[in-house]
Amino acid sequence: MSTGLECLFFERRPNEWWYLLERWNAPKNAWDWREYADTFGSFPSFEEAHQHLSDHHANPGGYYTLRYEEGKDWSMFDKLIAEAQAEGDSRLDKLERHEWTQIAHGIWMRK
């Protein structure tokens, strides 16, 4: 069974993967679900990002994938990454995925 939450994997730069996962308490039919999502990353490959999702979250039931493209407007994604950095939601130092545990919604700490 899946949660039905929105999920997007994106490659911000070559070999720099992140994913957005809609929050459980996001308003349904929001104009832009990404405003109600947590950002996770960065990971050196899509496979590692996907494994992190599998290890730490319930199955969202599907996902979108967006690969890096030179010249694409990444400003919205850069904003989400910056917000995650400010809130401490992302694994910016690229530690192994098993070194982190979620202690509260959007709050992660090293085990």
PDB file of N, CA and C in Angstrom:
ATOM      1  N   MET A   1       0.847  -1.176   0.000  1.00  0.00           N
ATOM      2  CA  MET A   1       0.000   0.000   0.000  1.00  0.00           C
ATOM      3  C   MET A   1       0.893   1.241   0.000  1.00  0.00           C
ATOM      4  N   SER A   2       0.438   2.290  -0.628  1.00  0.00           N
ATOM      5  CA  SER A   2       1.230   3.510  -0.721  1.00  0.00           C
ATOM      6  C   SER A   2       0.516   4.671  -0.044  1.00  0.00           C
ATOM      7  N   THR A   3       1.274   5.740   0.183  1.00  0.00           N
ATOM      8  CA  THR A   3       0.733   6.913   0.867  1.00  0.00           C
ATOM      9  C   THR A   3       0.003   7.862  -0.066  1.00  0.00           C
ATOM     10  N   GLY A   4       0.326   7.810  -1.357  1.00  0.00           N
ATOM     11  CA  GLY A   4      -0.274   8.752  -2.303  1.00  0.00           C
ATOM     12  C   GLY A   4       0.345  10.135  -2.244  1.00  0.00           C
ATOM     13  N   LEU A   5       1.469  10.283  -1.512  1.00  0.00           N
ATOM     14  CA  LEU A   5       2.144  11.582  -1.436  1.00  0.00           C
ATOM     15  C   LEU A   5       2.922  11.848  -2.720  1.00  0.00           C
ATOM     16  N   GLU A   6       3.031  13.101  -3.080  1.00  0.00           N
ATOM     17  CA  GLU A   6       3.818  13.491  -4.246  1.00  0.00           C
ATOM     18  C   GLU A   6       5.304  13.329  -3.932  1.00  0.00           C
ATOM     19  N   CYS A   7       6.075  12.951  -4.940  1.00  0.00           N
ATOM     20  CA  CYS A   7       7.517  12.768  -4.778  1.00  0.00           C
ATOM     21  C   CYS A   7       8.197  13.118  -6.093  1.00  0.00           C
ATOM     22  N   LEU A   8       9.305  13.861  -6.001  1.00  0.00           N
ATOM     23  CA  LEU A   8      10.063  14.264  -7.173  1.00  0.00           C
ATOM     24  C   LEU A   8      11.549  14.114  -6.887  1.00  0.00           C
ATOM     25  N   PHE A   9      12.242  13.353  -7.720  1.00  0.00           N
ATOM     26  CA  PHE A   9      13.695  13.257  -7.682  1.00  0.00           C
ATOM     27  C   PHE A   9      14.227  14.212  -8.740  1.00  0.00           C
ATOM     28  N   PHE A  10      15.243  15.002  -8.379  1.00  0.00           N
ATOM     29  CA  PHE A  10      15.817  15.892  -9.381  1.00  0.00           C
ATOM     30  C   PHE A  10      17.340  15.951  -9.257  1.00  0.00           C
ATOM     31  N   GLU A  11      17.966  16.051 -10.413  1.00  0.00           N
ATOM     32  CA  GLU A  11      19.413  16.161 -10.503  1.00  0.00           C
ATOM     33  C   GLU A  11      19.728  17.643 -10.715  1.00  0.00           C
ATOM     34  N   ARG A  12      20.137  18.315  -9.648  1.00  0.00           N
ATOM     35  CA  ARG A  12      20.371  19.761  -9.724  1.00  0.00           C
ATOM     36  C   ARG A  12      21.612  20.102 -10.544  1.00  0.00           C
ATOM     37  N   ARG A  13      22.643  19.327 -10.359  1.00  0.00           N
ATOM     38  CA  ARG A  13      23.876  19.412 -11.136  1.00  0.00           C
ATOM     39  C   ARG A  13      24.265  17.989 -11.486  1.00  0.00           C
ATOM     40  N   PRO A  14      25.169  17.799 -12.436  1.00  0.00           N
ATOM     41  CA  PRO A  14      25.571  16.414 -12.728  1.00  0.00           C
ATOM     42  C   PRO A  14      26.040  15.694 -11.460  1.00  0.00           C
ATOM     43  N   ASN A  15      25.448  14.538 -11.205  1.00  0.00           N
ATOM     44  CA  ASN A  15      25.776  13.707 -10.046  1.00  0.00           C
ATOM     45  C   ASN A  15      25.463  14.359  -8.707  1.00  0.00           C
ATOM     46  N   GLU A  16      24.458  15.214  -8.674  1.00  0.00           N
ATOM     47  CA  GLU A  16      23.970  15.836  -7.441  1.00  0.00           C
ATOM     48  C   GLU A  16      22.452  15.681  -7.416  1.00  0.00           C
ATOM     49  N   TRP A  17      21.972  14.658  -6.737  1.00  0.00           N
ATOM     50  CA  TRP A  17      20.553  14.313  -6.714  1.00  0.00           C
ATOM     51  C   TRP A  17      19.907  14.722  -5.399  1.00  0.00           C
ATOM     52  N   TRP A  18      18.672  15.153  -5.487  1.00  0.00           N
ATOM     53  CA  TRP A  18      17.834  15.540  -4.352  1.00  0.00           C
ATOM     54  C   TRP A  18      16.459  14.926  -4.573  1.00  0.00           C
ATOM     55  N   TYR A  19      15.658  14.886  -3.523  1.00  0.00           N
ATOM     56  CA  TYR A  19      14.257  14.572  -3.743  1.00  0.00           C
ATOM     57  C   TYR A  19      13.372  15.392  -2.829  1.00  0.00           C
ATOM     58  N   LEU A  20      12.179  15.664  -3.324  1.00  0.00           N
ATOM     59  CA  LEU A  20      11.128  16.352  -2.577  1.00  0.00           C
ATOM     60  C   LEU A  20      10.071  15.327  -2.245  1.00  0.00           C
ATOM     61  N   LEU A  21       9.588  15.360  -1.016  1.00  0.00           N
ATOM     62  CA  LEU A  21       8.520  14.467  -0.597  1.00  0.00           C
ATOM     63  C   LEU A  21       7.444  15.290   0.091  1.00  0.00           C
ATOM     64  N   GLU A  22       6.242  15.222  -0.452  1.00  0.00           N
ATOM     65  CA  GLU A  22       5.112  15.955   0.107  1.00  0.00           C
ATOM     66  C   GLU A  22       4.911  15.562   1.571  1.00  0.00           C
ATOM     67  N   ARG A  23       4.619  16.541   2.406  1.00  0.00           N
ATOM     68  CA  ARG A  23       4.366  16.279   3.822  1.00  0.00           C
ATOM     69  C   ARG A  23       2.999  15.628   4.010  1.00  0.00           C
ATOM     70  N   TRP A  24       2.904  14.829   5.060  1.00  0.00           N
ATOM     71  CA  TRP A  24       1.642  14.155   5.382  1.00  0.00           C
ATOM     72  C   TRP A  24       0.509  15.149   5.597  1.00  0.00           C
ATOM     73  N   ASN A  25       0.828  16.292   6.200  1.00  0.00           N
ATOM     74  CA  ASN A  25      -0.221  17.261   6.553  1.00  0.00           C
ATOM     75  C   ASN A  25      -0.420  18.330   5.482  1.00  0.00           C
ATOM     76  N   ALA A  26       0.088  18.112   4.279  1.00  0.00           N
ATOM     77  CA  ALA A  26      -0.081  19.088   3.196  1.00  0.00           C
ATOM     78  C   ALA A  26      -1.556  19.190   2.814  1.00  0.00           C
ATOM     79  N   PRO A  27      -2.026  20.405   2.541  1.00  0.00           N
ATOM     80  CA  PRO A  27      -3.413  20.538   2.099  1.00  0.00           C
ATOM     81  C   PRO A  27      -3.607  19.844   0.750  1.00  0.00           C
ATOM     82  N   LYS A  28      -4.637  19.073   0.639  1.00  0.00           N
ATOM     83  CA  LYS A  28      -4.900  18.379  -0.623  1.00  0.00           C
ATOM     84  C   LYS A  28      -5.326  19.385  -1.678  1.00  0.00           C
ATOM     85  N   ASN A  29      -4.912  19.115  -2.904  1.00  0.00           N
ATOM     86  CA  ASN A  29      -5.205  19.985  -4.040  1.00  0.00           C
ATOM     87  C   ASN A  29      -4.603  21.375  -3.894  1.00  0.00           C
ATOM     88  N   ALA A  30      -3.456  21.471  -3.198  1.00  0.00           N
ATOM     89  CA  ALA A  30      -2.764  22.753  -3.075  1.00  0.00           C
ATOM     90  C   ALA A  30      -2.323  23.218  -4.458  1.00  0.00           C
ATOM     91  N   TRP A  31      -2.185  24.510  -4.626  1.00  0.00           N
ATOM     92  CA  TRP A  31      -1.771  25.060  -5.908  1.00  0.00           C
ATOM     93  C   TRP A  31      -0.435  24.471  -6.336  1.00  0.00           C
ATOM     94  N   ASP A  32       0.506  24.389  -5.416  1.00  0.00           N
ATOM     95  CA  ASP A  32       1.814  23.808  -5.711  1.00  0.00           C
ATOM     96  C   ASP A  32       2.233  22.968  -4.509  1.00  0.00           C
ATOM     97  N   TRP A  33       2.152  21.652  -4.635  1.00  0.00           N
ATOM     98  CA  TRP A  33       2.449  20.756  -3.517  1.00  0.00           C
ATOM     99  C   TRP A  33       3.870  20.920  -3.008  1.00  0.00           C
ATOM    100  N   ARG A  34       4.785  21.435  -3.853  1.00  0.00           N
ATOM    101  CA  ARG A  34       6.187  21.594  -3.441  1.00  0.00           C
ATOM    102  C   ARG A  34       6.346  22.579  -2.300  1.00  0.00           C
ATOM    103  N   GLU A  35       5.358  23.463  -2.118  1.00  0.00           N
ATOM    104  CA  GLU A  35       5.386  24.383  -0.980  1.00  0.00           C
ATOM    105  C   GLU A  35       5.178  23.632   0.337  1.00  0.00           C
ATOM    106  N   TYR A  36       4.688  22.403   0.257  1.00  0.00           N
ATOM    107  CA  TYR A  36       4.381  21.582   1.436  1.00  0.00           C
ATOM    108  C   TYR A  36       5.174  20.281   1.375  1.00  0.00           C
ATOM    109  N   ALA A  37       6.466  20.416   1.040  1.00  0.00           N
ATOM    110  CA  ALA A  37       7.312  19.237   0.886  1.00  0.00           C
ATOM    111  C   ALA A  37       8.614  19.434   1.648  1.00  0.00           C
ATOM    112  N   ASP A  38       9.239  18.330   1.985  1.00  0.00           N
ATOM    113  CA  ASP A  38      10.579  18.352   2.567  1.00  0.00           C
ATOM    114  C   ASP A  38      11.577  17.992   1.480  1.00  0.00           C
ATOM    115  N   THR A  39      12.768  18.577   1.564  1.00  0.00           N
ATOM    116  CA  THR A  39      13.827  18.375   0.588  1.00  0.00           C
ATOM    117  C   THR A  39      14.917  17.517   1.213  1.00  0.00           C
ATOM    118  N   PHE A  40      15.374  16.499   0.503  1.00  0.00           N
ATOM    119  CA  PHE A  40      16.399  15.583   1.003  1.00  0.00           C
ATOM    120  C   PHE A  40      17.530  15.499  -0.007  1.00  0.00           C
ATOM    121  N   GLY A  41      18.760  15.562   0.463  1.00  0.00           N
ATOM    122  CA  GLY A  41      19.899  15.455  -0.421  1.00  0.00           C
ATOM    123  C   GLY A  41      21.128  16.052   0.218  1.00  0.00           C
ATOM    124  N   SER A  42      22.185  16.154  -0.455  1.00  0.00           N
ATOM    125  CA  SER A  42      22.328  15.667  -1.814  1.00  0.00           C
ATOM    126  C   SER A  42      22.906  14.263  -1.814  1.00  0.00           C
ATOM    127  N   PHE A  43      22.693  13.584  -2.924  1.00  0.00           N
ATOM    128  CA  PHE A  43      23.149  12.211  -3.115  1.00  0.00           C
ATOM    129  C   PHE A  43      23.919  12.153  -4.434  1.00  0.00           C
ATOM    130  N   PRO A  44      24.945  11.304  -4.527  1.00  0.00           N
ATOM    131  CA  PRO A  44      25.751  11.244  -5.753  1.00  0.00           C
ATOM    132  C   PRO A  44      25.072  10.535  -6.923  1.00  0.00           C
ATOM    133  N   SER A  45      23.944   9.858  -6.663  1.00  0.00           N
ATOM    134  CA  SER A  45      23.259   9.163  -7.751  1.00  0.00           C
ATOM    135  C   SER A  45      21.765   9.076  -7.450  1.00  0.00           C
ATOM    136  N   PHE A  46      20.994   8.859  -8.502  1.00  0.00           N
ATOM    137  CA  PHE A  46      19.562   8.636  -8.329  1.00  0.00           C
ATOM    138  C   PHE A  46      19.326   7.413  -7.452  1.00  0.00           C
ATOM    139  N   GLU A  47      20.108   6.357  -7.661  1.00  0.00           N
ATOM    140  CA  GLU A  47      19.918   5.112  -6.917  1.00  0.00           C
ATOM    141  C   GLU A  47      20.082   5.324  -5.417  1.00  0.00           C
ATOM    142  N   GLU A  48      21.068   6.136  -5.023  1.00  0.00           N
ATOM    143  CA  GLU A  48      21.266   6.399  -3.596  1.00  0.00           C
ATOM    144  C   GLU A  48      20.137   7.255  -3.031  1.00  0.00           C
ATOM    145  N   ALA A  49      19.661   8.217  -3.803  1.00  0.00           N
ATOM    146  CA  ALA A  49      18.531   9.030  -3.356  1.00  0.00           C
ATOM    147  C   ALA A  49      17.288   8.154  -3.192  1.00  0.00           C
ATOM    148  N   HIS A  50      17.054   7.283  -4.158  1.00  0.00           N
ATOM    149  CA  HIS A  50      15.893   6.391  -4.094  1.00  0.00           C
ATOM    150  C   HIS A  50      16.013   5.425  -2.912  1.00  0.00           C
ATOM    151  N   GLN A  51      17.212   4.938  -2.648  1.00  0.00           N
ATOM    152  CA  GLN A  51      17.411   4.042  -1.510  1.00  0.00           C
ATOM    153  C   GLN A  51      17.144   4.767  -0.192  1.00  0.00           C
ATOM    154  N   HIS A  52      17.533   6.036  -0.119  1.00  0.00           N
ATOM    155  CA  HIS A  52      17.260   6.828   1.094  1.00  0.00           C
ATOM    156  C   HIS A  52      15.753   6.946   1.310  1.00  0.00           C
ATOM    157  N   LEU A  53      15.028   7.244   0.251  1.00  0.00           N
ATOM    158  CA  LEU A  53      13.570   7.312   0.351  1.00  0.00           C
ATOM    159  C   LEU A  53      13.018   5.985   0.866  1.00  0.00           C
ATOM    160  N   SER A  54      13.470   4.885   0.291  1.00  0.00           N
ATOM    161  CA  SER A  54      12.975   3.557   0.687  1.00  0.00           C
ATOM    162  C   SER A  54      13.310   3.228   2.132  1.00  0.00           C
ATOM    163  N   ASP A  55      14.492   3.640   2.579  1.00  0.00           N
ATOM    164  CA  ASP A  55      14.931   3.318   3.940  1.00  0.00           C
ATOM    165  C   ASP A  55      14.263   4.161   5.015  1.00  0.00           C
ATOM    166  N   HIS A  56      13.805   5.376   4.661  1.00  0.00           N
ATOM    167  CA  HIS A  56      13.361   6.324   5.678  1.00  0.00           C
ATOM    168  C   HIS A  56      11.908   6.775   5.584  1.00  0.00           C
ATOM    169  N   HIS A  57      11.215   6.374   4.540  1.00  0.00           N
ATOM    170  CA  HIS A  57       9.843   6.871   4.351  1.00  0.00           C
ATOM    171  C   HIS A  57       8.940   5.760   3.838  1.00  0.00           C
ATOM    172  N   ALA A  58       7.657   5.926   4.086  1.00  0.00           N
ATOM    173  CA  ALA A  58       6.683   5.008   3.511  1.00  0.00           C
ATOM    174  C   ALA A  58       6.641   5.211   1.994  1.00  0.00           C
ATOM    175  N   ASN A  59       6.253   4.181   1.284  1.00  0.00           N
ATOM    176  CA  ASN A  59       6.181   4.215  -0.173  1.00  0.00           C
ATOM    177  C   ASN A  59       5.179   5.282  -0.624  1.00  0.00           C
ATOM    178  N   PRO A  60       5.647   6.309  -1.380  1.00  0.00           N
ATOM    179  CA  PRO A  60       4.700   7.313  -1.843  1.00  0.00           C
ATOM    180  C   PRO A  60       3.804   6.809  -2.973  1.00  0.00           C
ATOM    181  N   GLY A  61       4.185   5.701  -3.592  1.00  0.00           N
ATOM    182  CA  GLY A  61       3.356   5.129  -4.642  1.00  0.00           C
ATOM    183  C   GLY A  61       3.775   5.500  -6.047  1.00  0.00           C
ATOM    184  N   GLY A  62       4.739   6.349  -6.167  1.00  0.00           N
ATOM    185  CA  GLY A  62       5.236   6.769  -7.473  1.00  0.00           C
ATOM    186  C   GLY A  62       6.050   8.029  -7.318  1.00  0.00           C
ATOM    187  N   TYR A  63       6.693   8.435  -8.381  1.00  0.00           N
ATOM    188  CA  TYR A  63       7.518   9.635  -8.323  1.00  0.00           C
ATOM    189  C   TYR A  63       7.773  10.142  -9.730  1.00  0.00           C
ATOM    190  N   TYR A  64       8.221  11.393  -9.780  1.00  0.00           N
ATOM    191  CA  TYR A  64       8.669  12.023 -11.012  1.00  0.00           C
ATOM    192  C   TYR A  64      10.191  12.117 -10.949  1.00  0.00           C
ATOM    193  N   THR A  65      10.830  12.154 -12.097  1.00  0.00           N
ATOM    194  CA  THR A  65      12.280  12.312 -12.165  1.00  0.00           C
ATOM    195  C   THR A  65      12.601  13.453 -13.123  1.00  0.00           C
ATOM    196  N   LEU A  66      13.478  14.341 -12.678  1.00  0.00           N
ATOM    197  CA  LEU A  66      13.896  15.479 -13.487  1.00  0.00           C
ATOM    198  C   LEU A  66      15.422  15.496 -13.525  1.00  0.00           C
ATOM    199  N   ARG A  67      15.978  15.263 -14.703  1.00  0.00           N
ATOM    200  CA  ARG A  67      17.441  15.231 -14.859  1.00  0.00           C
ATOM    201  C   ARG A  67      17.972  16.632 -15.144  1.00  0.00           C
ATOM    202  N   TYR A  68      19.238  16.816 -14.819  1.00  0.00           N
ATOM    203  CA  TYR A  68      19.900  18.097 -15.046  1.00  0.00           C
ATOM    204  C   TYR A  68      19.893  18.445 -16.533  1.00  0.00           C
ATOM    205  N   GLU A  69      19.623  19.715 -16.806  1.00  0.00           N
ATOM    206  CA  GLU A  69      19.704  20.260 -18.162  1.00  0.00           C
ATOM    207  C   GLU A  69      20.394  21.613 -18.082  1.00  0.00           C
ATOM    208  N   GLU A  70      21.448  21.772 -18.856  1.00  0.00           N
ATOM    209  CA  GLU A  70      22.156  23.053 -18.919  1.00  0.00           C
ATOM    210  C   GLU A  70      21.192  24.132 -19.397  1.00  0.00           C
ATOM    211  N   GLY A  71      21.204  25.276 -18.726  1.00  0.00           N
ATOM    212  CA  GLY A  71      20.369  26.399 -19.138  1.00  0.00           C
ATOM    213  C   GLY A  71      18.952  26.382 -18.579  1.00  0.00           C
ATOM    214  N   LYS A  72      18.560  25.313 -17.912  1.00  0.00           N
ATOM    215  CA  LYS A  72      17.220  25.240 -17.323  1.00  0.00           C
ATOM    216  C   LYS A  72      17.123  26.215 -16.156  1.00  0.00           C
ATOM    217  N   ASP A  73      15.958  26.778 -15.941  1.00  0.00           N
ATOM    218  CA  ASP A  73      15.739  27.658 -14.800  1.00  0.00           C
ATOM    219  C   ASP A  73      15.568  26.802 -13.544  1.00  0.00           C
ATOM    220  N   TRP A  74      16.586  26.773 -12.714  1.00  0.00           N
ATOM    221  CA  TRP A  74      16.586  25.966 -11.486  1.00  0.00           C
ATOM    222  C   TRP A  74      16.282  26.807 -10.252  1.00  0.00           C
ATOM    223  N   SER A  75      15.836  28.040 -10.426  1.00  0.00           N
ATOM    224  CA  SER A  75      15.675  28.945  -9.285  1.00  0.00           C
ATOM    225  C   SER A  75      14.712  28.412  -8.229  1.00  0.00           C
ATOM    226  N   MET A  76      13.622  27.780  -8.640  1.00  0.00           N
ATOM    227  CA  MET A  76      12.678  27.239  -7.662  1.00  0.00           C
ATOM    228  C   MET A  76      13.328  26.128  -6.850  1.00  0.00           C
ATOM    229  N   PHE A  77      14.115  25.272  -7.504  1.00  0.00           N
ATOM    230  CA  PHE A  77      14.786  24.184  -6.803  1.00  0.00           C
ATOM    231  C   PHE A  77      15.889  24.724  -5.894  1.00  0.00           C
ATOM    232  N   ASP A  78      16.599  25.743  -6.363  1.00  0.00           N
ATOM    233  CA  ASP A  78      17.626  26.361  -5.524  1.00  0.00           C
ATOM    234  C   ASP A  78      17.006  26.954  -4.262  1.00  0.00           C
ATOM    235  N   LYS A  79      15.828  27.536  -4.398  1.00  0.00           N
ATOM    236  CA  LYS A  79      15.115  28.092  -3.237  1.00  0.00           C
ATOM    237  C   LYS A  79      14.752  26.979  -2.253  1.00  0.00           C
ATOM    238  N   LEU A  80      14.250  25.860  -2.753  1.00  0.00           N
ATOM    239  CA  LEU A  80      13.886  24.744  -1.880  1.00  0.00           C
ATOM    240  C   LEU A  80      15.111  24.161  -1.182  1.00  0.00           C
ATOM    241  N   ILE A  81      16.222  24.058  -1.895  1.00  0.00           N
ATOM    242  CA  ILE A  81      17.460  23.563  -1.297  1.00  0.00           C
ATOM    243  C   ILE A  81      17.941  24.528  -0.214  1.00  0.00           C
ATOM    244  N   ALA A  82      17.913  25.829  -0.493  1.00  0.00           N
ATOM    245  CA  ALA A  82      18.350  26.828   0.488  1.00  0.00           C
ATOM    246  C   ALA A  82      17.473  26.783   1.739  1.00  0.00           C
ATOM    247  N   GLU A  83      16.167  26.626   1.562  1.00  0.00           N
ATOM    248  CA  GLU A  83      15.268  26.519   2.713  1.00  0.00           C
ATOM    249  C   GLU A  83      15.581  25.274   3.532  1.00  0.00           C
ATOM    250  N   ALA A  84      15.852  24.176   2.854  1.00  0.00           N
ATOM    251  CA  ALA A  84      16.187  22.938   3.561  1.00  0.00           C
ATOM    252  C   ALA A  84      17.490  23.101   4.332  1.00  0.00           C
ATOM    253  N   GLN A  85      18.459  23.775   3.736  1.00  0.00           N
ATOM    254  CA  GLN A  85      19.729  24.007   4.417  1.00  0.00           C
ATOM    255  C   GLN A  85      19.510  24.848   5.669  1.00  0.00           C
ATOM    256  N   ALA A  86      18.690  25.877   5.559  1.00  0.00           N
ATOM    257  CA  ALA A  86      18.424  26.749   6.696  1.00  0.00           C
ATOM    258  C   ALA A  86      17.700  26.005   7.816  1.00  0.00           C
ATOM    259  N   GLU A  87      16.824  25.079   7.430  1.00  0.00           N
ATOM    260  CA  GLU A  87      16.049  24.324   8.413  1.00  0.00           C
ATOM    261  C   GLU A  87      16.770  23.073   8.892  1.00  0.00           C
ATOM    262  N   GLY A  88      17.848  22.715   8.219  1.00  0.00           N
ATOM    263  CA  GLY A  88      18.578  21.512   8.610  1.00  0.00           C
ATOM    264  C   GLY A  88      17.936  20.232   8.111  1.00  0.00           C
ATOM    265  N   ASP A  89      17.096  20.293   7.076  1.00  0.00           N
ATOM    266  CA  ASP A  89      16.403  19.109   6.577  1.00  0.00           C
ATOM    267  C   ASP A  89      17.246  18.249   5.654  1.00  0.00           C
ATOM    268  N   SER A  90      18.324  18.778   5.090  1.00  0.00           N
ATOM    269  CA  SER A  90      19.040  18.029   4.063  1.00  0.00           C
ATOM    270  C   SER A  90      20.338  17.440   4.592  1.00  0.00           C
ATOM    271  N   ARG A  91      20.812  16.431   3.916  1.00  0.00           N
ATOM    272  CA  ARG A  91      22.064  15.780   4.253  1.00  0.00           C
ATOM    273  C   ARG A  91      23.173  16.403   3.420  1.00  0.00           C
ATOM    274  N   LEU A  92      23.536  17.636   3.746  1.00  0.00           N
ATOM    275  CA  LEU A  92      24.458  18.387   2.903  1.00  0.00           C
ATOM    276  C   LEU A  92      25.878  17.848   2.949  1.00  0.00           C
ATOM    277  N   ASP A  93      26.250  17.214   4.031  1.00  0.00           N
ATOM    278  CA  ASP A  93      27.615  16.726   4.136  1.00  0.00           C
ATOM    279  C   ASP A  93      27.759  15.324   3.569  1.00  0.00           C
ATOM    280  N   LYS A  94      26.719  14.806   2.925  1.00  0.00           N
ATOM    281  CA  LYS A  94      26.744  13.530   2.213  1.00  0.00           C
ATOM    282  C   LYS A  94      27.149  12.349   3.096  1.00  0.00           C
ATOM    283  N   LEU A  95      26.709  12.360   4.333  1.00  0.00           N
ATOM    284  CA  LEU A  95      26.975  11.224   5.208  1.00  0.00           C
ATOM    285  C   LEU A  95      26.197  10.011   4.741  1.00  0.00           C
ATOM    286  N   GLU A  96      26.633   8.844   5.143  1.00  0.00           N
ATOM    287  CA  GLU A  96      25.921   7.622   4.788  1.00  0.00           C
ATOM    288  C   GLU A  96      24.482   7.710   5.296  1.00  0.00           C
ATOM    289  N   ARG A  97      23.556   7.200   4.524  1.00  0.00           N
ATOM    290  CA  ARG A  97      22.139   7.331   4.858  1.00  0.00           C
ATOM    291  C   ARG A  97      21.779   6.689   6.183  1.00  0.00           C
ATOM    292  N   HIS A  98      22.521   5.678   6.622  1.00  0.00           N
ATOM    293  CA  HIS A  98      22.187   5.004   7.877  1.00  0.00           C
ATOM    294  C   HIS A  98      22.676   5.757   9.099  1.00  0.00           C
ATOM    295  N   GLU A  99      23.362   6.869   8.901  1.00  0.00           N
ATOM    296  CA  GLU A  99      23.836   7.662  10.026  1.00  0.00           C
ATOM    297  C   GLU A  99      22.804   8.692  10.470  1.00  0.00           C
ATOM    298  N   TRP A 100      21.659   8.740   9.809  1.00  0.00           N
ATOM    299  CA  TRP A 100      20.641   9.743  10.119  1.00  0.00           C
ATOM    300  C   TRP A 100      19.354   9.082  10.573  1.00  0.00           C
ATOM    301  N   THR A 101      18.644   9.744  11.458  1.00  0.00           N
ATOM    302  CA  THR A 101      17.332   9.289  11.877  1.00  0.00           C
ATOM    303  C   THR A 101      16.420  10.498  12.049  1.00  0.00           C
ATOM    304  N   GLN A 102      15.160  10.318  11.719  1.00  0.00           N
ATOM    305  CA  GLN A 102      14.207  11.422  11.860  1.00  0.00           C
ATOM    306  C   GLN A 102      13.677  11.402  13.278  1.00  0.00           C
ATOM    307  N   ILE A 103      13.802  12.531  13.993  1.00  0.00           N
ATOM    308  CA  ILE A 103      13.333  12.591  15.373  1.00  0.00           C
ATOM    309  C   ILE A 103      12.010  13.343  15.486  1.00  0.00           C
ATOM    310  N   ALA A 104      11.659  14.101  14.485  1.00  0.00           N
ATOM    311  CA  ALA A 104      10.377  14.801  14.430  1.00  0.00           C
ATOM    312  C   ALA A 104      10.177  15.211  12.976  1.00  0.00           C
ATOM    313  N   HIS A 105       8.980  15.682  12.671  1.00  0.00           N
ATOM    314  CA  HIS A 105       8.692  16.067  11.297  1.00  0.00           C
ATOM    315  C   HIS A 105       9.709  17.093  10.797  1.00  0.00           C
ATOM    316  N   GLY A 106      10.449  16.730   9.743  1.00  0.00           N
ATOM    317  CA  GLY A 106      11.394  17.664   9.158  1.00  0.00           C
ATOM    318  C   GLY A 106      12.678  17.854   9.946  1.00  0.00           C
ATOM    319  N   ILE A 107      12.850  17.153  11.063  1.00  0.00           N
ATOM    320  CA  ILE A 107      14.041  17.279  11.900  1.00  0.00           C
ATOM    321  C   ILE A 107      14.818  15.975  11.853  1.00  0.00           C
ATOM    322  N   TRP A 108      16.072  16.057  11.440  1.00  0.00           N
ATOM    323  CA  TRP A 108      16.925  14.875  11.315  1.00  0.00           C
ATOM    324  C   TRP A 108      18.150  15.054  12.184  1.00  0.00           C
ATOM    325  N   MET A 109      18.643  13.980  12.730  1.00  0.00           N
ATOM    326  CA  MET A 109      19.882  14.044  13.476  1.00  0.00           C
ATOM    327  C   MET A 109      20.714  12.804  13.231  1.00  0.00           C
ATOM    328  N   ARG A 110      22.003  12.931  13.495  1.00  0.00           N
ATOM    329  CA  ARG A 110      22.909  11.812  13.346  1.00  0.00           C
ATOM    330  C   ARG A 110      22.641  10.794  14.435  1.00  0.00           C
ATOM    331  N   LYS A 111      22.695   9.490  14.085  1.00  0.00           N
ATOM    332  CA  LYS A 111      22.500   8.421  15.078  1.00  0.00           C
ATOM    333  C   LYS A 111      23.705   8.332  15.989  1.00  0.00           C
TER     334      LYS A 111
END
